[in-house]
């Protein structure tokens, strides 16, 4: 079984698309009504639709992106820090085992960016 897509609402479609394209390499696959579908190199889709109000999400709620290497996690972390993105938990790492941090996208969706040695 493979996760096919997640569906997000946004207050600013252009801004949220730039965020996922810039940091994670997503590209626009197709328009869908007033929204879009973005895809990554492995085929994961993010459906994004404009909404009038964003939902209040529980503090524990997040989406997890597992990258291919610790170096990729550190690189995105530094890029996000220098761009003043909303990092909500700083980098935690153990040499050769894992690296992770949490950030909120422009609409407040919490994301865990990580790598784990498997």
PDB file of N, CA and C in Angstrom:
ATOM      1  N   UNK A   1       0.844  -1.169   0.000  1.00  0.00           N
ATOM      2  CA  UNK A   1       0.000   0.000   0.000  1.00  0.00           C
ATOM      3  C   UNK A   1       0.894   1.238   0.000  1.00  0.00           C
ATOM      4  N   UNK A   2       0.464   2.250  -0.710  1.00  0.00           N
ATOM      5  CA  UNK A   2       1.213   3.501  -0.801  1.00  0.00           C
ATOM      6  C   UNK A   2       0.275   4.666  -0.518  1.00  0.00           C
ATOM      7  N   UNK A   3       0.744   5.601   0.284  1.00  0.00           N
ATOM      8  CA  UNK A   3      -0.023   6.828   0.492  1.00  0.00           C
ATOM      9  C   UNK A   3      -0.023   7.601  -0.820  1.00  0.00           C
ATOM     10  N   UNK A   4      -1.207   7.972  -1.303  1.00  0.00           N
ATOM     11  CA  UNK A   4      -1.339   8.634  -2.589  1.00  0.00           C
ATOM     12  C   UNK A   4      -1.299  10.146  -2.479  1.00  0.00           C
ATOM     13  N   UNK A   5      -2.058  10.720  -1.526  1.00  0.00           N
ATOM     14  CA  UNK A   5      -2.102  12.176  -1.440  1.00  0.00           C
ATOM     15  C   UNK A   5      -2.552  12.646  -0.065  1.00  0.00           C
ATOM     16  N   UNK A   6      -2.266  13.903   0.196  1.00  0.00           N
ATOM     17  CA  UNK A   6      -2.827  14.631   1.329  1.00  0.00           C
ATOM     18  C   UNK A   6      -3.546  15.838   0.733  1.00  0.00           C
ATOM     19  N   UNK A   7      -4.516  16.352   1.461  1.00  0.00           N
ATOM     20  CA  UNK A   7      -5.317  17.462   0.951  1.00  0.00           C
ATOM     21  C   UNK A   7      -5.249  18.598   1.966  1.00  0.00           C
ATOM     22  N   UNK A   8      -4.760  19.744   1.535  1.00  0.00           N
ATOM     23  CA  UNK A   8      -4.593  20.898   2.405  1.00  0.00           C
ATOM     24  C   UNK A   8      -5.430  22.073   1.917  1.00  0.00           C
ATOM     25  N   UNK A   9      -5.853  22.892   2.849  1.00  0.00           N
ATOM     26  CA  UNK A   9      -6.482  24.159   2.513  1.00  0.00           C
ATOM     27  C   UNK A   9      -5.458  25.270   2.654  1.00  0.00           C
ATOM     28  N   UNK A  10      -5.685  26.365   1.956  1.00  0.00           N
ATOM     29  CA  UNK A  10      -4.747  27.482   2.019  1.00  0.00           C
ATOM     30  C   UNK A  10      -5.474  28.815   1.916  1.00  0.00           C
ATOM     31  N   UNK A  11      -4.873  29.827   2.512  1.00  0.00           N
ATOM     32  CA  UNK A  11      -5.347  31.206   2.362  1.00  0.00           C
ATOM     33  C   UNK A  11      -4.658  31.893   1.177  1.00  0.00           C
ATOM     34  N   UNK A  12      -3.525  31.325   0.708  1.00  0.00           N
ATOM     35  CA  UNK A  12      -2.743  31.944  -0.368  1.00  0.00           C
ATOM     36  C   UNK A  12      -2.120  30.837  -1.219  1.00  0.00           C
ATOM     37  N   UNK A  13      -2.790  30.476  -2.301  1.00  0.00           N
ATOM     38  CA  UNK A  13      -2.376  29.350  -3.135  1.00  0.00           C
ATOM     39  C   UNK A  13      -0.967  29.524  -3.697  1.00  0.00           C
ATOM     40  N   UNK A  14      -0.646  30.693  -4.209  1.00  0.00           N
ATOM     41  CA  UNK A  14       0.690  30.919  -4.789  1.00  0.00           C
ATOM     42  C   UNK A  14       1.782  30.741  -3.746  1.00  0.00           C
ATOM     43  N   UNK A  15       1.569  31.291  -2.566  1.00  0.00           N
ATOM     44  CA  UNK A  15       2.581  31.233  -1.507  1.00  0.00           C
ATOM     45  C   UNK A  15       2.827  29.798  -1.043  1.00  0.00           C
ATOM     46  N   UNK A  16       1.758  29.029  -0.827  1.00  0.00           N
ATOM     47  CA  UNK A  16       1.928  27.662  -0.342  1.00  0.00           C
ATOM     48  C   UNK A  16       2.587  26.786  -1.413  1.00  0.00           C
ATOM     49  N   UNK A  17       2.238  27.014  -2.677  1.00  0.00           N
ATOM     50  CA  UNK A  17       2.884  26.257  -3.754  1.00  0.00           C
ATOM     51  C   UNK A  17       4.377  26.554  -3.807  1.00  0.00           C
ATOM     52  N   UNK A  18       4.752  27.826  -3.695  1.00  0.00           N
ATOM     53  CA  UNK A  18       6.180  28.192  -3.696  1.00  0.00           C
ATOM     54  C   UNK A  18       6.917  27.503  -2.553  1.00  0.00           C
ATOM     55  N   UNK A  19       6.293  27.420  -1.375  1.00  0.00           N
ATOM     56  CA  UNK A  19       6.909  26.785  -0.210  1.00  0.00           C
ATOM     57  C   UNK A  19       7.246  25.324  -0.515  1.00  0.00           C
ATOM     58  N   UNK A  20       6.271  24.563  -0.984  1.00  0.00           N
ATOM     59  CA  UNK A  20       6.504  23.135  -1.237  1.00  0.00           C
ATOM     60  C   UNK A  20       7.401  22.905  -2.454  1.00  0.00           C
ATOM     61  N   UNK A  21       7.354  23.783  -3.427  1.00  0.00           N
ATOM     62  CA  UNK A  21       8.238  23.670  -4.588  1.00  0.00           C
ATOM     63  C   UNK A  21       9.675  24.002  -4.205  1.00  0.00           C
ATOM     64  N   UNK A  22       9.861  25.077  -3.472  1.00  0.00           N
ATOM     65  CA  UNK A  22      11.194  25.561  -3.121  1.00  0.00           C
ATOM     66  C   UNK A  22      11.947  24.607  -2.204  1.00  0.00           C
ATOM     67  N   UNK A  23      11.287  24.130  -1.161  1.00  0.00           N
ATOM     68  CA  UNK A  23      11.985  23.326  -0.164  1.00  0.00           C
ATOM     69  C   UNK A  23      11.971  21.828  -0.437  1.00  0.00           C
ATOM     70  N   UNK A  24      10.941  21.332  -1.099  1.00  0.00           N
ATOM     71  CA  UNK A  24      10.792  19.884  -1.252  1.00  0.00           C
ATOM     72  C   UNK A  24      10.780  19.406  -2.697  1.00  0.00           C
ATOM     73  N   UNK A  25      10.907  20.314  -3.640  1.00  0.00           N
ATOM     74  CA  UNK A  25      10.979  19.923  -5.044  1.00  0.00           C
ATOM     75  C   UNK A  25       9.664  19.475  -5.665  1.00  0.00           C
ATOM     76  N   UNK A  26       8.538  19.810  -5.027  1.00  0.00           N
ATOM     77  CA  UNK A  26       7.251  19.482  -5.636  1.00  0.00           C
ATOM     78  C   UNK A  26       7.066  20.323  -6.893  1.00  0.00           C
ATOM     79  N   UNK A  27       6.336  19.783  -7.855  1.00  0.00           N
ATOM     80  CA  UNK A  27       5.985  20.514  -9.066  1.00  0.00           C
ATOM     81  C   UNK A  27       4.478  20.406  -9.288  1.00  0.00           C
ATOM     82  N   UNK A  28       3.936  21.378  -9.998  1.00  0.00           N
ATOM     83  CA  UNK A  28       2.497  21.352 -10.272  1.00  0.00           C
ATOM     84  C   UNK A  28       2.194  20.250 -11.269  1.00  0.00           C
ATOM     85  N   UNK A  29       1.304  19.351 -10.882  1.00  0.00           N
ATOM     86  CA  UNK A  29       0.889  18.268 -11.777  1.00  0.00           C
ATOM     87  C   UNK A  29      -0.289  18.708 -12.628  1.00  0.00           C
ATOM     88  N   UNK A  30      -1.317  19.292 -11.993  1.00  0.00           N
ATOM     89  CA  UNK A  30      -2.456  19.811 -12.739  1.00  0.00           C
ATOM     90  C   UNK A  30      -3.318  20.695 -11.852  1.00  0.00           C
ATOM     91  N   UNK A  31      -4.106  21.542 -12.525  1.00  0.00           N
ATOM     92  CA  UNK A  31      -5.095  22.362 -11.828  1.00  0.00           C
ATOM     93  C   UNK A  31      -6.299  21.490 -11.516  1.00  0.00           C
ATOM     94  N   UNK A  32      -6.976  21.824 -10.423  1.00  0.00           N
ATOM     95  CA  UNK A  32      -8.171  21.080 -10.018  1.00  0.00           C
ATOM     96  C   UNK A  32      -9.183  22.092  -9.502  1.00  0.00           C
ATOM     97  N   UNK A  33     -10.107  22.507 -10.351  1.00  0.00           N
ATOM     98  CA  UNK A  33     -11.032  23.567  -9.963  1.00  0.00           C
ATOM     99  C   UNK A  33     -10.246  24.827  -9.656  1.00  0.00           C
ATOM    100  N   UNK A  34     -10.450  25.386  -8.459  1.00  0.00           N
ATOM    101  CA  UNK A  34      -9.699  26.584  -8.062  1.00  0.00           C
ATOM    102  C   UNK A  34      -8.389  26.226  -7.366  1.00  0.00           C
ATOM    103  N   UNK A  35      -8.112  24.933  -7.215  1.00  0.00           N
ATOM    104  CA  UNK A  35      -6.896  24.479  -6.543  1.00  0.00           C
ATOM    105  C   UNK A  35      -5.930  23.798  -7.498  1.00  0.00           C
ATOM    106  N   UNK A  36      -4.926  23.152  -6.908  1.00  0.00           N
ATOM    107  CA  UNK A  36      -3.904  22.457  -7.692  1.00  0.00           C
ATOM    108  C   UNK A  36      -3.527  21.145  -7.013  1.00  0.00           C
ATOM    109  N   UNK A  37      -2.893  20.292  -7.797  1.00  0.00           N
ATOM    110  CA  UNK A  37      -2.217  19.120  -7.275  1.00  0.00           C
ATOM    111  C   UNK A  37      -0.730  19.312  -7.532  1.00  0.00           C
ATOM    112  N   UNK A  38       0.074  19.162  -6.489  1.00  0.00           N
ATOM    113  CA  UNK A  38       1.529  19.151  -6.618  1.00  0.00           C
ATOM    114  C   UNK A  38       1.991  17.708  -6.482  1.00  0.00           C
ATOM    115  N   UNK A  39       3.129  17.375  -7.080  1.00  0.00           N
ATOM    116  CA  UNK A  39       3.671  16.027  -6.956  1.00  0.00           C
ATOM    117  C   UNK A  39       5.170  16.094  -6.714  1.00  0.00           C
ATOM    118  N   UNK A  40       5.685  15.063  -6.035  1.00  0.00           N
ATOM    119  CA  UNK A  40       7.132  14.968  -5.850  1.00  0.00           C
ATOM    120  C   UNK A  40       7.685  13.887  -6.776  1.00  0.00           C
ATOM    121  N   UNK A  41       8.995  13.663  -6.720  1.00  0.00           N
ATOM    122  CA  UNK A  41       9.655  12.720  -7.620  1.00  0.00           C
ATOM    123  C   UNK A  41       9.185  11.284  -7.411  1.00  0.00           C
ATOM    124  N   UNK A  42       8.652  10.975  -6.221  1.00  0.00           N
ATOM    125  CA  UNK A  42       8.207   9.611  -5.929  1.00  0.00           C
ATOM    126  C   UNK A  42       6.706   9.433  -6.131  1.00  0.00           C
ATOM    127  N   UNK A  43       6.026  10.483  -6.591  1.00  0.00           N
ATOM    128  CA  UNK A  43       4.614  10.375  -6.917  1.00  0.00           C
ATOM    129  C   UNK A  43       3.634  10.773  -5.832  1.00  0.00           C
ATOM    130  N   UNK A  44       4.128  11.232  -4.673  1.00  0.00           N
ATOM    131  CA  UNK A  44       3.214  11.709  -3.637  1.00  0.00           C
ATOM    132  C   UNK A  44       2.538  12.984  -4.124  1.00  0.00           C
ATOM    133  N   UNK A  45       1.243  13.066  -3.944  1.00  0.00           N
ATOM    134  CA  UNK A  45       0.482  14.241  -4.354  1.00  0.00           C
ATOM    135  C   UNK A  45       0.051  15.050  -3.140  1.00  0.00           C
ATOM    136  N   UNK A  46       0.089  16.365  -3.296  1.00  0.00           N
ATOM    137  CA  UNK A  46      -0.521  17.269  -2.326  1.00  0.00           C
ATOM    138  C   UNK A  46      -1.599  18.035  -3.081  1.00  0.00           C
ATOM    139  N   UNK A  47      -2.857  17.818  -2.690  1.00  0.00           N
ATOM    140  CA  UNK A  47      -3.967  18.591  -3.240  1.00  0.00           C
ATOM    141  C   UNK A  47      -4.110  19.833  -2.373  1.00  0.00           C
ATOM    142  N   UNK A  48      -4.209  20.988  -3.004  1.00  0.00           N
ATOM    143  CA  UNK A  48      -4.306  22.242  -2.257  1.00  0.00           C
ATOM    144  C   UNK A  48      -5.462  23.061  -2.822  1.00  0.00           C
ATOM    145  N   UNK A  49      -6.361  23.459  -1.930  1.00  0.00           N
ATOM    146  CA  UNK A  49      -7.511  24.265  -2.331  1.00  0.00           C
ATOM    147  C   UNK A  49      -7.595  25.527  -1.491  1.00  0.00           C
ATOM    148  N   UNK A  50      -7.947  26.656  -2.118  1.00  0.00           N
ATOM    149  CA  UNK A  50      -8.187  27.880  -1.352  1.00  0.00           C
ATOM    150  C   UNK A  50      -9.404  27.689  -0.436  1.00  0.00           C
ATOM    151  N   UNK A  51      -9.297  28.207   0.782  1.00  0.00           N
ATOM    152  CA  UNK A  51     -10.398  28.139   1.743  1.00  0.00           C
ATOM    153  C   UNK A  51     -10.561  29.503   2.407  1.00  0.00           C
ATOM    154  N   UNK A  52     -11.770  29.776   2.860  1.00  0.00           N
ATOM    155  CA  UNK A  52     -12.037  31.042   3.545  1.00  0.00           C
ATOM    156  C   UNK A  52     -11.435  31.046   4.941  1.00  0.00           C
ATOM    157  N   UNK A  53     -11.510  29.919   5.623  1.00  0.00           N
ATOM    158  CA  UNK A  53     -10.981  29.800   6.985  1.00  0.00           C
ATOM    159  C   UNK A  53     -10.177  28.514   7.113  1.00  0.00           C
ATOM    160  N   UNK A  54      -9.045  28.599   7.781  1.00  0.00           N
ATOM    161  CA  UNK A  54      -8.235  27.409   8.044  1.00  0.00           C
ATOM    162  C   UNK A  54      -8.713  26.753   9.335  1.00  0.00           C
ATOM    163  N   UNK A  55      -8.702  25.421   9.386  1.00  0.00           N
ATOM    164  CA  UNK A  55      -9.152  24.745  10.602  1.00  0.00           C
ATOM    165  C   UNK A  55      -8.143  24.884  11.735  1.00  0.00           C
ATOM    166  N   UNK A  56      -8.631  24.827  12.951  1.00  0.00           N
ATOM    167  CA  UNK A  56      -7.760  24.785  14.131  1.00  0.00           C
ATOM    168  C   UNK A  56      -7.315  23.331  14.295  1.00  0.00           C
ATOM    169  N   UNK A  57      -6.030  23.078  14.219  1.00  0.00           N
ATOM    170  CA  UNK A  57      -5.505  21.716  14.300  1.00  0.00           C
ATOM    171  C   UNK A  57      -4.944  21.449  15.687  1.00  0.00           C
ATOM    172  N   UNK A  58      -5.027  20.193  16.161  1.00  0.00           N
ATOM    173  CA  UNK A  58      -4.422  19.869  17.453  1.00  0.00           C
ATOM    174  C   UNK A  58      -2.903  20.059  17.399  1.00  0.00           C
ATOM    175  N   UNK A  59      -2.296  20.368  18.519  1.00  0.00           N
ATOM    176  CA  UNK A  59      -0.853  20.630  18.582  1.00  0.00           C
ATOM    177  C   UNK A  59      -0.028  19.443  18.085  1.00  0.00           C
ATOM    178  N   UNK A  60      -0.496  18.227  18.324  1.00  0.00           N
ATOM    179  CA  UNK A  60       0.260  17.031  17.937  1.00  0.00           C
ATOM    180  C   UNK A  60       0.183  16.737  16.440  1.00  0.00           C
ATOM    181  N   UNK A  61      -0.764  17.330  15.736  1.00  0.00           N
ATOM    182  CA  UNK A  61      -0.989  17.041  14.320  1.00  0.00           C
ATOM    183  C   UNK A  61       0.198  17.518  13.490  1.00  0.00           C
ATOM    184  N   UNK A  62       0.696  16.644  12.610  1.00  0.00           N
ATOM    185  CA  UNK A  62       1.748  17.053  11.681  1.00  0.00           C
ATOM    186  C   UNK A  62       1.842  16.073  10.516  1.00  0.00           C
ATOM    187  N   UNK A  63       2.501  16.512   9.461  1.00  0.00           N
ATOM    188  CA  UNK A  63       2.848  15.670   8.327  1.00  0.00           C
ATOM    189  C   UNK A  63       4.343  15.420   8.398  1.00  0.00           C
ATOM    190  N   UNK A  64       4.777  14.211   8.080  1.00  0.00           N
ATOM    191  CA  UNK A  64       6.191  13.877   8.155  1.00  0.00           C
ATOM    192  C   UNK A  64       6.791  13.639   6.781  1.00  0.00           C
ATOM    193  N   UNK A  65       7.903  14.296   6.516  1.00  0.00           N
ATOM    194  CA  UNK A  65       8.663  14.082   5.292  1.00  0.00           C
ATOM    195  C   UNK A  65       9.995  13.449   5.668  1.00  0.00           C
ATOM    196  N   UNK A  66      10.235  12.236   5.199  1.00  0.00           N
ATOM    197  CA  UNK A  66      11.492  11.542   5.475  1.00  0.00           C
ATOM    198  C   UNK A  66      12.394  11.694   4.253  1.00  0.00           C
ATOM    199  N   UNK A  67      13.542  12.307   4.454  1.00  0.00           N
ATOM    200  CA  UNK A  67      14.470  12.568   3.356  1.00  0.00           C
ATOM    201  C   UNK A  67      15.487  11.434   3.235  1.00  0.00           C
ATOM    202  N   UNK A  68      16.267  11.471   2.151  1.00  0.00           N
ATOM    203  CA  UNK A  68      17.194  10.383   1.851  1.00  0.00           C
ATOM    204  C   UNK A  68      18.496  10.424   2.639  1.00  0.00           C
ATOM    205  N   UNK A  69      18.817  11.572   3.256  1.00  0.00           N
ATOM    206  CA  UNK A  69      20.077  11.664   4.003  1.00  0.00           C
ATOM    207  C   UNK A  69      19.988  12.744   5.075  1.00  0.00           C
ATOM    208  N   UNK A  70      20.848  12.612   6.074  1.00  0.00           N
ATOM    209  CA  UNK A  70      20.935  13.639   7.114  1.00  0.00           C
ATOM    210  C   UNK A  70      21.373  14.967   6.501  1.00  0.00           C
ATOM    211  N   UNK A  71      22.252  14.909   5.513  1.00  0.00           N
ATOM    212  CA  UNK A  71      22.736  16.124   4.868  1.00  0.00           C
ATOM    213  C   UNK A  71      21.593  16.911   4.233  1.00  0.00           C
ATOM    214  N   UNK A  72      20.621  16.206   3.644  1.00  0.00           N
ATOM    215  CA  UNK A  72      19.465  16.890   3.060  1.00  0.00           C
ATOM    216  C   UNK A  72      18.651  17.594   4.138  1.00  0.00           C
ATOM    217  N   UNK A  73      18.489  16.936   5.288  1.00  0.00           N
ATOM    218  CA  UNK A  73      17.741  17.543   6.392  1.00  0.00           C
ATOM    219  C   UNK A  73      18.455  18.808   6.860  1.00  0.00           C
ATOM    220  N   UNK A  74      19.772  18.721   7.071  1.00  0.00           N
ATOM    221  CA  UNK A  74      20.538  19.887   7.513  1.00  0.00           C
ATOM    222  C   UNK A  74      20.479  21.012   6.478  1.00  0.00           C
ATOM    223  N   UNK A  75      20.538  20.666   5.197  1.00  0.00           N
ATOM    224  CA  UNK A  75      20.499  21.668   4.136  1.00  0.00           C
ATOM    225  C   UNK A  75      19.160  22.414   4.122  1.00  0.00           C
ATOM    226  N   UNK A  76      18.056  21.677   4.203  1.00  0.00           N
ATOM    227  CA  UNK A  76      16.738  22.322   4.222  1.00  0.00           C
ATOM    228  C   UNK A  76      16.569  23.154   5.488  1.00  0.00           C
ATOM    229  N   UNK A  77      17.058  22.636   6.609  1.00  0.00           N
ATOM    230  CA  UNK A  77      16.978  23.368   7.877  1.00  0.00           C
ATOM    231  C   UNK A  77      17.679  24.726   7.759  1.00  0.00           C
ATOM    232  N   UNK A  78      18.891  24.731   7.236  1.00  0.00           N
ATOM    233  CA  UNK A  78      19.647  25.982   7.092  1.00  0.00           C
ATOM    234  C   UNK A  78      18.962  26.931   6.112  1.00  0.00           C
ATOM    235  N   UNK A  79      18.441  26.385   5.016  1.00  0.00           N
ATOM    236  CA  UNK A  79      17.737  27.207   4.026  1.00  0.00           C
ATOM    237  C   UNK A  79      16.491  27.836   4.649  1.00  0.00           C
ATOM    238  N   UNK A  80      15.750  27.045   5.433  1.00  0.00           N
ATOM    239  CA  UNK A  80      14.542  27.568   6.081  1.00  0.00           C
ATOM    240  C   UNK A  80      14.880  28.596   7.154  1.00  0.00           C
ATOM    241  N   UNK A  81      15.950  28.347   7.915  1.00  0.00           N
ATOM    242  CA  UNK A  81      16.373  29.322   8.929  1.00  0.00           C
ATOM    243  C   UNK A  81      16.746  30.641   8.282  1.00  0.00           C
ATOM    244  N   UNK A  82      17.513  30.576   7.201  1.00  0.00           N
ATOM    245  CA  UNK A  82      17.950  31.816   6.556  1.00  0.00           C
ATOM    246  C   UNK A  82      16.781  32.550   5.894  1.00  0.00           C
ATOM    247  N   UNK A  83      15.731  31.821   5.536  1.00  0.00           N
ATOM    248  CA  UNK A  83      14.532  32.440   4.956  1.00  0.00           C
ATOM    249  C   UNK A  83      13.509  32.832   6.018  1.00  0.00           C
ATOM    250  N   UNK A  84      13.870  32.609   7.283  1.00  0.00           N
ATOM    251  CA  UNK A  84      13.014  32.959   8.424  1.00  0.00           C
ATOM    252  C   UNK A  84      11.661  32.255   8.405  1.00  0.00           C
ATOM    253  N   UNK A  85      11.691  30.984   8.010  1.00  0.00           N
ATOM    254  CA  UNK A  85      10.472  30.176   8.094  1.00  0.00           C
ATOM    255  C   UNK A  85      10.179  29.910   9.568  1.00  0.00           C
ATOM    256  N   UNK A  86       8.967  29.474   9.863  1.00  0.00           N
ATOM    257  CA  UNK A  86       8.499  29.287  11.236  1.00  0.00           C
ATOM    258  C   UNK A  86       8.931  27.923  11.785  1.00  0.00           C
ATOM    259  N   UNK A  87      10.205  27.815  12.168  1.00  0.00           N
ATOM    260  CA  UNK A  87      10.719  26.573  12.759  1.00  0.00           C
ATOM    261  C   UNK A  87      10.211  26.498  14.190  1.00  0.00           C
ATOM    262  N   UNK A  88       9.486  25.417  14.501  1.00  0.00           N
ATOM    263  CA  UNK A  88       8.852  25.294  15.812  1.00  0.00           C
ATOM    264  C   UNK A  88       9.566  24.309  16.732  1.00  0.00           C
ATOM    265  N   UNK A  89      10.484  23.523  16.192  1.00  0.00           N
ATOM    266  CA  UNK A  89      11.393  22.729  17.019  1.00  0.00           C
ATOM    267  C   UNK A  89      12.707  22.637  16.277  1.00  0.00           C
ATOM    268  N   UNK A  90      13.763  23.093  16.936  1.00  0.00           N
ATOM    269  CA  UNK A  90      15.076  23.116  16.302  1.00  0.00           C
ATOM    270  C   UNK A  90      15.571  21.711  15.978  1.00  0.00           C
ATOM    271  N   UNK A  91      16.632  21.691  15.208  1.00  0.00           N
ATOM    272  CA  UNK A  91      17.250  20.445  14.777  1.00  0.00           C
ATOM    273  C   UNK A  91      17.646  19.591  15.972  1.00  0.00           C
ATOM    274  N   UNK A  92      17.312  18.328  15.879  1.00  0.00           N
ATOM    275  CA  UNK A  92      17.806  17.315  16.812  1.00  0.00           C
ATOM    276  C   UNK A  92      18.466  16.248  15.963  1.00  0.00           C
ATOM    277  N   UNK A  93      19.652  15.842  16.371  1.00  0.00           N
ATOM    278  CA  UNK A  93      20.368  14.851  15.571  1.00  0.00           C
ATOM    279  C   UNK A  93      21.262  14.008  16.457  1.00  0.00           C
ATOM    280  N   UNK A  94      21.424  12.782  16.051  1.00  0.00           N
ATOM    281  CA  UNK A  94      22.394  11.891  16.665  1.00  0.00           C
ATOM    282  C   UNK A  94      23.198  11.316  15.519  1.00  0.00           C
ATOM    283  N   UNK A  95      24.498  11.530  15.554  1.00  0.00           N
ATOM    284  CA  UNK A  95      25.384  11.184  14.451  1.00  0.00           C
ATOM    285  C   UNK A  95      25.135   9.764  13.945  1.00  0.00           C
ATOM    286  N   UNK A  96      24.786   9.671  12.684  1.00  0.00           N
ATOM    287  CA  UNK A  96      24.596   8.382  12.043  1.00  0.00           C
ATOM    288  C   UNK A  96      23.280   7.694  12.333  1.00  0.00           C
ATOM    289  N   UNK A  97      22.429   8.290  13.155  1.00  0.00           N
ATOM    290  CA  UNK A  97      21.173   7.639  13.534  1.00  0.00           C
ATOM    291  C   UNK A  97      19.936   8.381  13.028  1.00  0.00           C
ATOM    292  N   UNK A  98      19.843   9.671  13.298  1.00  0.00           N
ATOM    293  CA  UNK A  98      18.668  10.431  12.872  1.00  0.00           C
ATOM    294  C   UNK A  98      18.975  11.919  12.876  1.00  0.00           C
ATOM    295  N   UNK A  99      18.137  12.648  12.167  1.00  0.00           N
ATOM    296  CA  UNK A  99      18.145  14.114  12.186  1.00  0.00           C
ATOM    297  C   UNK A  99      16.711  14.546  11.919  1.00  0.00           C
ATOM    298  N   UNK A 100      16.211  15.506  12.698  1.00  0.00           N
ATOM    299  CA  UNK A 100      14.849  15.980  12.455  1.00  0.00           C
ATOM    300  C   UNK A 100      14.623  17.359  13.054  1.00  0.00           C
ATOM    301  N   UNK A 101      13.669  18.060  12.471  1.00  0.00           N
ATOM    302  CA  UNK A 101      13.190  19.328  13.010  1.00  0.00           C
ATOM    303  C   UNK A 101      11.742  19.503  12.569  1.00  0.00           C
ATOM    304  N   UNK A 102      11.058  20.446  13.205  1.00  0.00           N
ATOM    305  CA  UNK A 102       9.670  20.749  12.867  1.00  0.00           C
ATOM    306  C   UNK A 102       9.567  22.193  12.400  1.00  0.00           C
ATOM    307  N   UNK A 103       8.736  22.412  11.383  1.00  0.00           N
ATOM    308  CA  UNK A 103       8.496  23.738  10.829  1.00  0.00           C
ATOM    309  C   UNK A 103       7.014  23.833  10.483  1.00  0.00           C
ATOM    310  N   UNK A 104       6.482  25.037  10.485  1.00  0.00           N
ATOM    311  CA  UNK A 104       5.114  25.232  10.009  1.00  0.00           C
ATOM    312  C   UNK A 104       5.159  25.863   8.627  1.00  0.00           C
ATOM    313  N   UNK A 105       4.321  25.338   7.737  1.00  0.00           N
ATOM    314  CA  UNK A 105       4.229  25.936   6.408  1.00  0.00           C
ATOM    315  C   UNK A 105       3.481  27.272   6.519  1.00  0.00           C
ATOM    316  N   UNK A 106       3.371  28.031   5.443  1.00  0.00           N
ATOM    317  CA  UNK A 106       2.744  29.354   5.537  1.00  0.00           C
ATOM    318  C   UNK A 106       1.305  29.359   6.062  1.00  0.00           C
ATOM    319  N   UNK A 107       0.612  28.224   5.998  1.00  0.00           N
ATOM    320  CA  UNK A 107      -0.755  28.148   6.514  1.00  0.00           C
ATOM    321  C   UNK A 107      -0.829  27.507   7.891  1.00  0.00           C
ATOM    322  N   UNK A 108       0.317  27.241   8.505  1.00  0.00           N
ATOM    323  CA  UNK A 108       0.333  26.724   9.865  1.00  0.00           C
ATOM    324  C   UNK A 108       0.300  25.217   9.992  1.00  0.00           C
ATOM    325  N   UNK A 109       0.395  24.485   8.883  1.00  0.00           N
ATOM    326  CA  UNK A 109       0.488  23.030   8.963  1.00  0.00           C
ATOM    327  C   UNK A 109       1.871  22.655   9.477  1.00  0.00           C
ATOM    328  N   UNK A 110       1.916  21.873  10.552  1.00  0.00           N
ATOM    329  CA  UNK A 110       3.210  21.494  11.119  1.00  0.00           C
ATOM    330  C   UNK A 110       3.792  20.324  10.327  1.00  0.00           C
ATOM    331  N   UNK A 111       5.069  20.437   9.986  1.00  0.00           N
ATOM    332  CA  UNK A 111       5.779  19.424   9.214  1.00  0.00           C
ATOM    333  C   UNK A 111       6.990  18.948   9.994  1.00  0.00           C
ATOM    334  N   UNK A 112       7.193  17.640  10.019  1.00  0.00           N
ATOM    335  CA  UNK A 112       8.432  17.080  10.562  1.00  0.00           C
ATOM    336  C   UNK A 112       9.310  16.711   9.376  1.00  0.00           C
ATOM    337  N   UNK A 113      10.514  17.231   9.370  1.00  0.00           N
ATOM    338  CA  UNK A 113      11.481  16.948   8.319  1.00  0.00           C
ATOM    339  C   UNK A 113      12.542  16.072   8.960  1.00  0.00           C
ATOM    340  N   UNK A 114      12.738  14.855   8.427  1.00  0.00           N
ATOM    341  CA  UNK A 114      13.618  13.926   9.136  1.00  0.00           C
ATOM    342  C   UNK A 114      14.361  12.989   8.198  1.00  0.00           C
ATOM    343  N   UNK A 115      15.348  12.357   8.770  1.00  0.00           N
ATOM    344  CA  UNK A 115      16.063  11.225   8.183  1.00  0.00           C
ATOM    345  C   UNK A 115      16.332  10.262   9.323  1.00  0.00           C
ATOM    346  N   UNK A 116      16.153   8.974   9.052  1.00  0.00           N
ATOM    347  CA  UNK A 116      16.427   7.932  10.042  1.00  0.00           C
ATOM    348  C   UNK A 116      17.275   6.857   9.383  1.00  0.00           C
ATOM    349  N   UNK A 117      18.318   6.432  10.055  1.00  0.00           N
ATOM    350  CA  UNK A 117      19.164   5.356   9.559  1.00  0.00           C
ATOM    351  C   UNK A 117      18.414   4.044   9.732  1.00  0.00           C
ATOM    352  N   UNK A 118      18.110   3.416   8.620  1.00  0.00           N
ATOM    353  CA  UNK A 118      17.355   2.158   8.708  1.00  0.00           C
ATOM    354  C   UNK A 118      18.193   0.984   8.328  1.00  0.00           C
TER     355      UNK A 118
END
